[in-house]
């Protein structure tokens, strides 16, 4: 398993780099225009622990950095990342249209 071979912090560098690259090429992304500036979000979902959404919003508001590690793109390739995003976006659209 990649998780056993490569420490979590090192695996995260690949995702952070890919996300930073995406945001640099998509400055109109909703992440930059809506999420990063979000300071408050009410606890609409009562089945989550109180304050869980606020904590997640604070984590989401952190911009990813380009950071190349010693095992760059071993845990996930650029192609795998792009395929994941395409699939996730497609499933989201399907869910909304139902």
PDB file of N, CA and C in Angstrom:
ATOM      1  N   UNK A   1       0.836  -1.191   0.000  1.00  0.00           N
ATOM      2  CA  UNK A   1       0.000   0.000   0.000  1.00  0.00           C
ATOM      3  C   UNK A   1       0.878   1.252   0.000  1.00  0.00           C
ATOM      4  N   UNK A   2       0.500   2.214  -0.808  1.00  0.00           N
ATOM      5  CA  UNK A   2       1.227   3.486  -0.858  1.00  0.00           C
ATOM      6  C   UNK A   2       1.230   4.143   0.521  1.00  0.00           C
ATOM      7  N   UNK A   3       0.143   3.971   1.259  1.00  0.00           N
ATOM      8  CA  UNK A   3       0.048   4.596   2.578  1.00  0.00           C
ATOM      9  C   UNK A   3       1.103   4.062   3.540  1.00  0.00           C
ATOM     10  N   UNK A   4       1.497   2.818   3.379  1.00  0.00           N
ATOM     11  CA  UNK A   4       2.522   2.248   4.253  1.00  0.00           C
ATOM     12  C   UNK A   4       3.924   2.614   3.796  1.00  0.00           C
ATOM     13  N   UNK A   5       4.086   2.824   2.495  1.00  0.00           N
ATOM     14  CA  UNK A   5       5.412   3.114   1.952  1.00  0.00           C
ATOM     15  C   UNK A   5       5.793   4.594   2.023  1.00  0.00           C
ATOM     16  N   UNK A   6       4.825   5.459   1.834  1.00  0.00           N
ATOM     17  CA  UNK A   6       5.110   6.892   1.761  1.00  0.00           C
ATOM     18  C   UNK A   6       4.339   7.603   2.867  1.00  0.00           C
ATOM     19  N   UNK A   7       5.032   8.339   3.725  1.00  0.00           N
ATOM     20  CA  UNK A   7       4.364   9.020   4.837  1.00  0.00           C
ATOM     21  C   UNK A   7       3.272   9.971   4.359  1.00  0.00           C
ATOM     22  N   UNK A   8       2.253  10.173   5.188  1.00  0.00           N
ATOM     23  CA  UNK A   8       1.096  11.004   4.857  1.00  0.00           C
ATOM     24  C   UNK A   8       1.513  12.399   4.387  1.00  0.00           C
ATOM     25  N   UNK A   9       2.411  13.031   5.070  1.00  0.00           N
ATOM     26  CA  UNK A   9       2.849  14.374   4.702  1.00  0.00           C
ATOM     27  C   UNK A   9       3.450  14.432   3.314  1.00  0.00           C
ATOM     28  N   UNK A  10       4.144  13.371   2.932  1.00  0.00           N
ATOM     29  CA  UNK A  10       4.740  13.315   1.595  1.00  0.00           C
ATOM     30  C   UNK A  10       3.677  13.089   0.525  1.00  0.00           C
ATOM     31  N   UNK A  11       2.698  12.224   0.812  1.00  0.00           N
ATOM     32  CA  UNK A  11       1.601  11.997  -0.136  1.00  0.00           C
ATOM     33  C   UNK A  11       0.814  13.281  -0.343  1.00  0.00           C
ATOM     34  N   UNK A  12       0.624  14.040   0.696  1.00  0.00           N
ATOM     35  CA  UNK A  12      -0.140  15.277   0.627  1.00  0.00           C
ATOM     36  C   UNK A  12       0.515  16.338  -0.245  1.00  0.00           C
ATOM     37  N   UNK A  13       1.830  16.288  -0.356  1.00  0.00           N
ATOM     38  CA  UNK A  13       2.529  17.277  -1.185  1.00  0.00           C
ATOM     39  C   UNK A  13       2.111  17.174  -2.642  1.00  0.00           C
ATOM     40  N   UNK A  14       1.904  15.960  -3.117  1.00  0.00           N
ATOM     41  CA  UNK A  14       1.458  15.782  -4.501  1.00  0.00           C
ATOM     42  C   UNK A  14       0.096  16.443  -4.716  1.00  0.00           C
ATOM     43  N   UNK A  15      -0.838  16.156  -3.822  1.00  0.00           N
ATOM     44  CA  UNK A  15      -2.178  16.743  -3.960  1.00  0.00           C
ATOM     45  C   UNK A  15      -2.130  18.256  -3.831  1.00  0.00           C
ATOM     46  N   UNK A  16      -1.377  18.761  -2.871  1.00  0.00           N
ATOM     47  CA  UNK A  16      -1.257  20.216  -2.712  1.00  0.00           C
ATOM     48  C   UNK A  16      -0.690  20.854  -3.974  1.00  0.00           C
ATOM     49  N   UNK A  17       0.325  20.243  -4.554  1.00  0.00           N
ATOM     50  CA  UNK A  17       0.935  20.781  -5.777  1.00  0.00           C
ATOM     51  C   UNK A  17      -0.062  20.773  -6.923  1.00  0.00           C
ATOM     52  N   UNK A  18      -0.786  19.684  -7.097  1.00  0.00           N
ATOM     53  CA  UNK A  18      -1.777  19.596  -8.167  1.00  0.00           C
ATOM     54  C   UNK A  18      -2.897  20.612  -7.956  1.00  0.00           C
ATOM     55  N   UNK A  19      -3.346  20.760  -6.727  1.00  0.00           N
ATOM     56  CA  UNK A  19      -4.402  21.731  -6.438  1.00  0.00           C
ATOM     57  C   UNK A  19      -3.910  23.161  -6.645  1.00  0.00           C
ATOM     58  N   UNK A  20      -2.689  23.455  -6.217  1.00  0.00           N
ATOM     59  CA  UNK A  20      -2.123  24.793  -6.410  1.00  0.00           C
ATOM     60  C   UNK A  20      -2.007  25.103  -7.899  1.00  0.00           C
ATOM     61  N   UNK A  21      -1.547  24.143  -8.691  1.00  0.00           N
ATOM     62  CA  UNK A  21      -1.441  24.339 -10.137  1.00  0.00           C
ATOM     63  C   UNK A  21      -2.809  24.598 -10.758  1.00  0.00           C
ATOM     64  N   UNK A  22      -3.802  23.851 -10.321  1.00  0.00           N
ATOM     65  CA  UNK A  22      -5.157  24.057 -10.840  1.00  0.00           C
ATOM     66  C   UNK A  22      -5.652  25.465 -10.521  1.00  0.00           C
ATOM     67  N   UNK A  23      -5.487  25.875  -9.286  1.00  0.00           N
ATOM     68  CA  UNK A  23      -5.978  27.196  -8.887  1.00  0.00           C
ATOM     69  C   UNK A  23      -5.234  28.325  -9.600  1.00  0.00           C
ATOM     70  N   UNK A  24      -3.958  28.128  -9.873  1.00  0.00           N
ATOM     71  CA  UNK A  24      -3.192  29.142 -10.610  1.00  0.00           C
ATOM     72  C   UNK A  24      -3.729  29.309 -12.030  1.00  0.00           C
ATOM     73  N   UNK A  25      -4.201  28.229 -12.620  1.00  0.00           N
ATOM     74  CA  UNK A  25      -4.714  28.301 -13.991  1.00  0.00           C
ATOM     75  C   UNK A  25      -6.216  28.561 -14.053  1.00  0.00           C
ATOM     76  N   UNK A  26      -6.881  28.568 -12.903  1.00  0.00           N
ATOM     77  CA  UNK A  26      -8.324  28.830 -12.831  1.00  0.00           C
ATOM     78  C   UNK A  26      -8.612  29.865 -11.735  1.00  0.00           C
ATOM     79  N   UNK A  27      -8.194  31.105 -11.942  1.00  0.00           N
ATOM     80  CA  UNK A  27      -8.386  32.129 -10.906  1.00  0.00           C
ATOM     81  C   UNK A  27      -9.854  32.457 -10.625  1.00  0.00           C
ATOM     82  N   UNK A  28     -10.753  32.046 -11.519  1.00  0.00           N
ATOM     83  CA  UNK A  28     -12.182  32.287 -11.314  1.00  0.00           C
ATOM     84  C   UNK A  28     -12.868  31.120 -10.606  1.00  0.00           C
ATOM     85  N   UNK A  29     -12.082  30.178 -10.128  1.00  0.00           N
ATOM     86  CA  UNK A  29     -12.613  29.013  -9.422  1.00  0.00           C
ATOM     87  C   UNK A  29     -13.460  29.442  -8.224  1.00  0.00           C
ATOM     88  N   UNK A  30     -14.559  28.756  -8.027  1.00  0.00           N
ATOM     89  CA  UNK A  30     -15.407  29.022  -6.873  1.00  0.00           C
ATOM     90  C   UNK A  30     -14.664  28.849  -5.557  1.00  0.00           C
ATOM     91  N   UNK A  31     -13.656  28.008  -5.567  1.00  0.00           N
ATOM     92  CA  UNK A  31     -12.849  27.830  -4.358  1.00  0.00           C
ATOM     93  C   UNK A  31     -12.204  29.158  -3.968  1.00  0.00           C
ATOM     94  N   UNK A  32     -11.653  29.861  -4.963  1.00  0.00           N
ATOM     95  CA  UNK A  32     -10.989  31.140  -4.679  1.00  0.00           C
ATOM     96  C   UNK A  32     -11.992  32.267  -4.466  1.00  0.00           C
ATOM     97  N   UNK A  33     -13.084  32.254  -5.235  1.00  0.00           N
ATOM     98  CA  UNK A  33     -14.033  33.363  -5.148  1.00  0.00           C
ATOM     99  C   UNK A  33     -15.023  33.223  -4.004  1.00  0.00           C
ATOM    100  N   UNK A  34     -15.295  32.005  -3.567  1.00  0.00           N
ATOM    101  CA  UNK A  34     -16.315  31.795  -2.538  1.00  0.00           C
ATOM    102  C   UNK A  34     -15.784  31.190  -1.236  1.00  0.00           C
ATOM    103  N   UNK A  35     -15.050  30.107  -1.341  1.00  0.00           N
ATOM    104  CA  UNK A  35     -14.675  29.342  -0.148  1.00  0.00           C
ATOM    105  C   UNK A  35     -13.583  30.017   0.671  1.00  0.00           C
ATOM    106  N   UNK A  36     -12.524  30.475   0.017  1.00  0.00           N
ATOM    107  CA  UNK A  36     -11.379  31.028   0.754  1.00  0.00           C
ATOM    108  C   UNK A  36     -11.794  32.205   1.632  1.00  0.00           C
ATOM    109  N   UNK A  37     -12.692  33.031   1.155  1.00  0.00           N
ATOM    110  CA  UNK A  37     -13.119  34.200   1.928  1.00  0.00           C
ATOM    111  C   UNK A  37     -14.218  33.922   2.936  1.00  0.00           C
ATOM    112  N   UNK A  38     -14.739  32.724   2.940  1.00  0.00           N
ATOM    113  CA  UNK A  38     -15.837  32.364   3.836  1.00  0.00           C
ATOM    114  C   UNK A  38     -15.356  32.352   5.282  1.00  0.00           C
ATOM    115  N   UNK A  39     -16.002  33.130   6.111  1.00  0.00           N
ATOM    116  CA  UNK A  39     -15.613  33.199   7.528  1.00  0.00           C
ATOM    117  C   UNK A  39     -16.596  32.485   8.445  1.00  0.00           C
ATOM    118  N   UNK A  40     -17.812  32.328   7.992  1.00  0.00           N
ATOM    119  CA  UNK A  40     -18.833  31.718   8.835  1.00  0.00           C
ATOM    120  C   UNK A  40     -19.770  30.886   7.969  1.00  0.00           C
ATOM    121  N   UNK A  41     -20.175  29.769   8.495  1.00  0.00           N
ATOM    122  CA  UNK A  41     -21.161  28.931   7.835  1.00  0.00           C
ATOM    123  C   UNK A  41     -21.980  28.281   8.936  1.00  0.00           C
ATOM    124  N   UNK A  42     -23.299  28.483   8.930  1.00  0.00           N
ATOM    125  CA  UNK A  42     -24.121  27.938  10.026  1.00  0.00           C
ATOM    126  C   UNK A  42     -24.141  26.411  10.055  1.00  0.00           C
ATOM    127  N   UNK A  43     -24.439  25.873  11.196  1.00  0.00           N
ATOM    128  CA  UNK A  43     -24.560  24.421  11.373  1.00  0.00           C
ATOM    129  C   UNK A  43     -25.935  23.966  10.862  1.00  0.00           C
ATOM    130  N   UNK A  44     -26.072  23.868   9.536  1.00  0.00           N
ATOM    131  CA  UNK A  44     -27.339  23.445   8.942  1.00  0.00           C
ATOM    132  C   UNK A  44     -27.601  21.961   9.115  1.00  0.00           C
ATOM    133  N   UNK A  45     -26.557  21.181   9.178  1.00  0.00           N
ATOM    134  CA  UNK A  45     -26.717  19.726   9.222  1.00  0.00           C
ATOM    135  C   UNK A  45     -26.639  19.252  10.667  1.00  0.00           C
ATOM    136  N   UNK A  46     -27.796  19.023  11.263  1.00  0.00           N
ATOM    137  CA  UNK A  46     -27.843  18.706  12.688  1.00  0.00           C
ATOM    138  C   UNK A  46     -27.307  17.324  13.033  1.00  0.00           C
ATOM    139  N   UNK A  47     -27.056  16.482  12.031  1.00  0.00           N
ATOM    140  CA  UNK A  47     -26.506  15.153  12.334  1.00  0.00           C
ATOM    141  C   UNK A  47     -24.983  15.169  12.460  1.00  0.00           C
ATOM    142  N   UNK A  48     -24.360  16.297  12.131  1.00  0.00           N
ATOM    143  CA  UNK A  48     -22.915  16.444  12.345  1.00  0.00           C
ATOM    144  C   UNK A  48     -22.673  17.036  13.729  1.00  0.00           C
ATOM    145  N   UNK A  49     -21.518  16.769  14.320  1.00  0.00           N
ATOM    146  CA  UNK A  49     -21.214  17.379  15.624  1.00  0.00           C
ATOM    147  C   UNK A  49     -21.241  18.904  15.521  1.00  0.00           C
ATOM    148  N   UNK A  50     -21.683  19.560  16.572  1.00  0.00           N
ATOM    149  CA  UNK A  50     -21.755  21.021  16.580  1.00  0.00           C
ATOM    150  C   UNK A  50     -20.369  21.602  16.297  1.00  0.00           C
ATOM    151  N   UNK A  51     -20.307  22.534  15.367  1.00  0.00           N
ATOM    152  CA  UNK A  51     -19.056  23.190  15.017  1.00  0.00           C
ATOM    153  C   UNK A  51     -18.237  22.469  13.957  1.00  0.00           C
ATOM    154  N   UNK A  52     -18.679  21.288  13.526  1.00  0.00           N
ATOM    155  CA  UNK A  52     -17.910  20.508  12.547  1.00  0.00           C
ATOM    156  C   UNK A  52     -17.784  21.252  11.217  1.00  0.00           C
ATOM    157  N   UNK A  53     -18.864  21.877  10.776  1.00  0.00           N
ATOM    158  CA  UNK A  53     -18.829  22.600   9.502  1.00  0.00           C
ATOM    159  C   UNK A  53     -17.890  23.788   9.598  1.00  0.00           C
ATOM    160  N   UNK A  54     -17.960  24.523  10.686  1.00  0.00           N
ATOM    161  CA  UNK A  54     -17.090  25.694  10.870  1.00  0.00           C
ATOM    162  C   UNK A  54     -15.621  25.270  10.845  1.00  0.00           C
ATOM    163  N   UNK A  55     -15.299  24.170  11.511  1.00  0.00           N
ATOM    164  CA  UNK A  55     -13.915  23.673  11.504  1.00  0.00           C
ATOM    165  C   UNK A  55     -13.481  23.299  10.084  1.00  0.00           C
ATOM    166  N   UNK A  56     -14.354  22.644   9.340  1.00  0.00           N
ATOM    167  CA  UNK A  56     -14.023  22.229   7.975  1.00  0.00           C
ATOM    168  C   UNK A  56     -13.865  23.449   7.066  1.00  0.00           C
ATOM    169  N   UNK A  57     -14.710  24.457   7.243  1.00  0.00           N
ATOM    170  CA  UNK A  57     -14.601  25.689   6.452  1.00  0.00           C
ATOM    171  C   UNK A  57     -13.250  26.347   6.699  1.00  0.00           C
ATOM    172  N   UNK A  58     -12.796  26.349   7.930  1.00  0.00           N
ATOM    173  CA  UNK A  58     -11.480  26.929   8.243  1.00  0.00           C
ATOM    174  C   UNK A  58     -10.356  26.144   7.571  1.00  0.00           C
ATOM    175  N   UNK A  59     -10.453  24.828   7.550  1.00  0.00           N
ATOM    176  CA  UNK A  59      -9.443  23.999   6.891  1.00  0.00           C
ATOM    177  C   UNK A  59      -9.481  24.232   5.386  1.00  0.00           C
ATOM    178  N   UNK A  60     -10.675  24.310   4.822  1.00  0.00           N
ATOM    179  CA  UNK A  60     -10.823  24.512   3.375  1.00  0.00           C
ATOM    180  C   UNK A  60     -10.296  25.876   2.941  1.00  0.00           C
ATOM    181  N   UNK A  61     -10.282  26.836   3.821  1.00  0.00           N
ATOM    182  CA  UNK A  61      -9.824  28.175   3.489  1.00  0.00           C
ATOM    183  C   UNK A  61      -8.317  28.309   3.400  1.00  0.00           C
ATOM    184  N   UNK A  62      -7.602  27.234   3.597  1.00  0.00           N
ATOM    185  CA  UNK A  62      -6.145  27.254   3.506  1.00  0.00           C
ATOM    186  C   UNK A  62      -5.730  26.957   2.065  1.00  0.00           C
ATOM    187  N   UNK A  63      -4.972  27.864   1.456  1.00  0.00           N
ATOM    188  CA  UNK A  63      -4.538  27.654   0.075  1.00  0.00           C
ATOM    189  C   UNK A  63      -3.433  26.605  -0.008  1.00  0.00           C
ATOM    190  N   UNK A  64      -3.538  25.702  -0.967  1.00  0.00           N
ATOM    191  CA  UNK A  64      -2.479  24.699  -1.141  1.00  0.00           C
ATOM    192  C   UNK A  64      -1.205  25.337  -1.698  1.00  0.00           C
ATOM    193  N   UNK A  65      -0.068  24.717  -1.400  1.00  0.00           N
ATOM    194  CA  UNK A  65       1.225  25.222  -1.879  1.00  0.00           C
ATOM    195  C   UNK A  65       1.876  24.187  -2.784  1.00  0.00           C
ATOM    196  N   UNK A  66       2.658  24.699  -3.717  1.00  0.00           N
ATOM    197  CA  UNK A  66       3.477  23.783  -4.529  1.00  0.00           C
ATOM    198  C   UNK A  66       4.638  23.337  -3.664  1.00  0.00           C
ATOM    199  N   UNK A  67       4.752  22.047  -3.485  1.00  0.00           N
ATOM    200  CA  UNK A  67       5.827  21.525  -2.648  1.00  0.00           C
ATOM    201  C   UNK A  67       6.223  20.154  -3.173  1.00  0.00           C
ATOM    202  N   UNK A  68       7.359  20.077  -3.773  1.00  0.00           N
ATOM    203  CA  UNK A  68       7.827  18.823  -4.350  1.00  0.00           C
ATOM    204  C   UNK A  68       8.574  18.021  -3.289  1.00  0.00           C
ATOM    205  N   UNK A  69       8.130  16.787  -3.093  1.00  0.00           N
ATOM    206  CA  UNK A  69       8.761  15.919  -2.105  1.00  0.00           C
ATOM    207  C   UNK A  69       9.716  14.938  -2.770  1.00  0.00           C
ATOM    208  N   UNK A  70      10.360  14.111  -1.982  1.00  0.00           N
ATOM    209  CA  UNK A  70      11.329  13.149  -2.520  1.00  0.00           C
ATOM    210  C   UNK A  70      10.672  12.029  -3.342  1.00  0.00           C
ATOM    211  N   UNK A  71       9.361  11.850  -3.188  1.00  0.00           N
ATOM    212  CA  UNK A  71       8.639  10.780  -3.898  1.00  0.00           C
ATOM    213  C   UNK A  71       7.571  11.377  -4.811  1.00  0.00           C
ATOM    214  N   UNK A  72       7.891  12.433  -5.518  1.00  0.00           N
ATOM    215  CA  UNK A  72       6.893  13.170  -6.291  1.00  0.00           C
ATOM    216  C   UNK A  72       6.091  12.299  -7.238  1.00  0.00           C
ATOM    217  N   UNK A  73       4.784  12.415  -7.116  1.00  0.00           N
ATOM    218  CA  UNK A  73       3.797  11.784  -7.979  1.00  0.00           C
ATOM    219  C   UNK A  73       3.926  10.271  -8.055  1.00  0.00           C
ATOM    220  N   UNK A  74       4.284   9.667  -6.928  1.00  0.00           N
ATOM    221  CA  UNK A  74       4.277   8.214  -6.821  1.00  0.00           C
ATOM    222  C   UNK A  74       2.910   7.756  -6.315  1.00  0.00           C
ATOM    223  N   UNK A  75       2.347   8.481  -5.362  1.00  0.00           N
ATOM    224  CA  UNK A  75       1.067   8.101  -4.774  1.00  0.00           C
ATOM    225  C   UNK A  75      -0.090   8.346  -5.738  1.00  0.00           C
ATOM    226  N   UNK A  76      -0.005   9.407  -6.546  1.00  0.00           N
ATOM    227  CA  UNK A  76      -1.043   9.723  -7.525  1.00  0.00           C
ATOM    228  C   UNK A  76      -0.394  10.493  -8.671  1.00  0.00           C
ATOM    229  N   UNK A  77      -0.731  10.127  -9.871  1.00  0.00           N
ATOM    230  CA  UNK A  77      -0.167  10.812 -11.037  1.00  0.00           C
ATOM    231  C   UNK A  77      -1.084  11.969 -11.441  1.00  0.00           C
ATOM    232  N   UNK A  78      -0.572  12.828 -12.284  1.00  0.00           N
ATOM    233  CA  UNK A  78      -1.391  13.928 -12.798  1.00  0.00           C
ATOM    234  C   UNK A  78      -2.616  13.374 -13.535  1.00  0.00           C
ATOM    235  N   UNK A  79      -2.430  12.311 -14.308  1.00  0.00           N
ATOM    236  CA  UNK A  79      -3.546  11.705 -15.043  1.00  0.00           C
ATOM    237  C   UNK A  79      -4.602  11.120 -14.115  1.00  0.00           C
ATOM    238  N   UNK A  80      -4.158  10.443 -13.065  1.00  0.00           N
ATOM    239  CA  UNK A  80      -5.105   9.877 -12.091  1.00  0.00           C
ATOM    240  C   UNK A  80      -5.875  10.982 -11.393  1.00  0.00           C
ATOM    241  N   UNK A  81      -5.189  12.064 -11.067  1.00  0.00           N
ATOM    242  CA  UNK A  81      -5.839  13.196 -10.406  1.00  0.00           C
ATOM    243  C   UNK A  81      -6.889  13.814 -11.328  1.00  0.00           C
ATOM    244  N   UNK A  82      -6.543  14.025 -12.594  1.00  0.00           N
ATOM    245  CA  UNK A  82      -7.485  14.597 -13.560  1.00  0.00           C
ATOM    246  C   UNK A  82      -8.690  13.681 -13.739  1.00  0.00           C
ATOM    247  N   UNK A  83      -8.457  12.373 -13.816  1.00  0.00           N
ATOM    248  CA  UNK A  83      -9.558  11.419 -13.965  1.00  0.00           C
ATOM    249  C   UNK A  83     -10.460  11.445 -12.740  1.00  0.00           C
ATOM    250  N   UNK A  84      -9.868  11.539 -11.550  1.00  0.00           N
ATOM    251  CA  UNK A  84     -10.659  11.623 -10.318  1.00  0.00           C
ATOM    252  C   UNK A  84     -11.541  12.869 -10.336  1.00  0.00           C
ATOM    253  N   UNK A  85     -10.973  14.009 -10.709  1.00  0.00           N
ATOM    254  CA  UNK A  85     -11.751  15.250 -10.743  1.00  0.00           C
ATOM    255  C   UNK A  85     -12.895  15.160 -11.746  1.00  0.00           C
ATOM    256  N   UNK A  86     -12.616  14.616 -12.921  1.00  0.00           N
ATOM    257  CA  UNK A  86     -13.667  14.465 -13.929  1.00  0.00           C
ATOM    258  C   UNK A  86     -14.792  13.576 -13.415  1.00  0.00           C
ATOM    259  N   UNK A  87     -14.419  12.469 -12.796  1.00  0.00           N
ATOM    260  CA  UNK A  87     -15.426  11.528 -12.274  1.00  0.00           C
ATOM    261  C   UNK A  87     -16.225  12.165 -11.134  1.00  0.00           C
ATOM    262  N   UNK A  88     -15.546  12.844 -10.215  1.00  0.00           N
ATOM    263  CA  UNK A  88     -16.234  13.486  -9.085  1.00  0.00           C
ATOM    264  C   UNK A  88     -17.183  14.572  -9.578  1.00  0.00           C
ATOM    265  N   UNK A  89     -16.741  15.373 -10.536  1.00  0.00           N
ATOM    266  CA  UNK A  89     -17.603  16.424 -11.085  1.00  0.00           C
ATOM    267  C   UNK A  89     -18.814  15.817 -11.779  1.00  0.00           C
ATOM    268  N   UNK A  90     -18.603  14.747 -12.547  1.00  0.00           N
ATOM    269  CA  UNK A  90     -19.714  14.091 -13.234  1.00  0.00           C
ATOM    270  C   UNK A  90     -20.730  13.527 -12.256  1.00  0.00           C
ATOM    271  N   UNK A  91     -20.260  12.888 -11.209  1.00  0.00           N
ATOM    272  CA  UNK A  91     -21.177  12.340 -10.200  1.00  0.00           C
ATOM    273  C   UNK A  91     -21.944  13.446  -9.476  1.00  0.00           C
ATOM    274  N   UNK A  92     -21.263  14.571  -9.240  1.00  0.00           N
ATOM    275  CA  UNK A  92     -21.933  15.707  -8.583  1.00  0.00           C
ATOM    276  C   UNK A  92     -23.039  16.251  -9.468  1.00  0.00           C
ATOM    277  N   UNK A  93     -22.758  16.443 -10.737  1.00  0.00           N
ATOM    278  CA  UNK A  93     -23.776  16.945 -11.679  1.00  0.00           C
ATOM    279  C   UNK A  93     -24.938  15.966 -11.761  1.00  0.00           C
ATOM    280  N   UNK A  94     -24.644  14.670 -11.848  1.00  0.00           N
ATOM    281  CA  UNK A  94     -25.719  13.670 -11.883  1.00  0.00           C
ATOM    282  C   UNK A  94     -26.592  13.760 -10.637  1.00  0.00           C
ATOM    283  N   UNK A  95     -25.953  13.913  -9.481  1.00  0.00           N
ATOM    284  CA  UNK A  95     -26.695  14.005  -8.232  1.00  0.00           C
ATOM    285  C   UNK A  95     -27.581  15.234  -8.164  1.00  0.00           C
ATOM    286  N   UNK A  96     -27.113  16.333  -8.700  1.00  0.00           N
ATOM    287  CA  UNK A  96     -27.905  17.571  -8.691  1.00  0.00           C
ATOM    288  C   UNK A  96     -29.078  17.476  -9.651  1.00  0.00           C
ATOM    289  N   UNK A  97     -28.872  16.851 -10.797  1.00  0.00           N
ATOM    290  CA  UNK A  97     -29.913  16.775 -11.818  1.00  0.00           C
ATOM    291  C   UNK A  97     -30.997  15.768 -11.499  1.00  0.00           C
ATOM    292  N   UNK A  98     -30.779  14.895 -10.550  1.00  0.00           N
ATOM    293  CA  UNK A  98     -31.803  13.890 -10.199  1.00  0.00           C
ATOM    294  C   UNK A  98     -32.947  14.486  -9.464  1.00  0.00           C
TER     295      UNK A  98
END
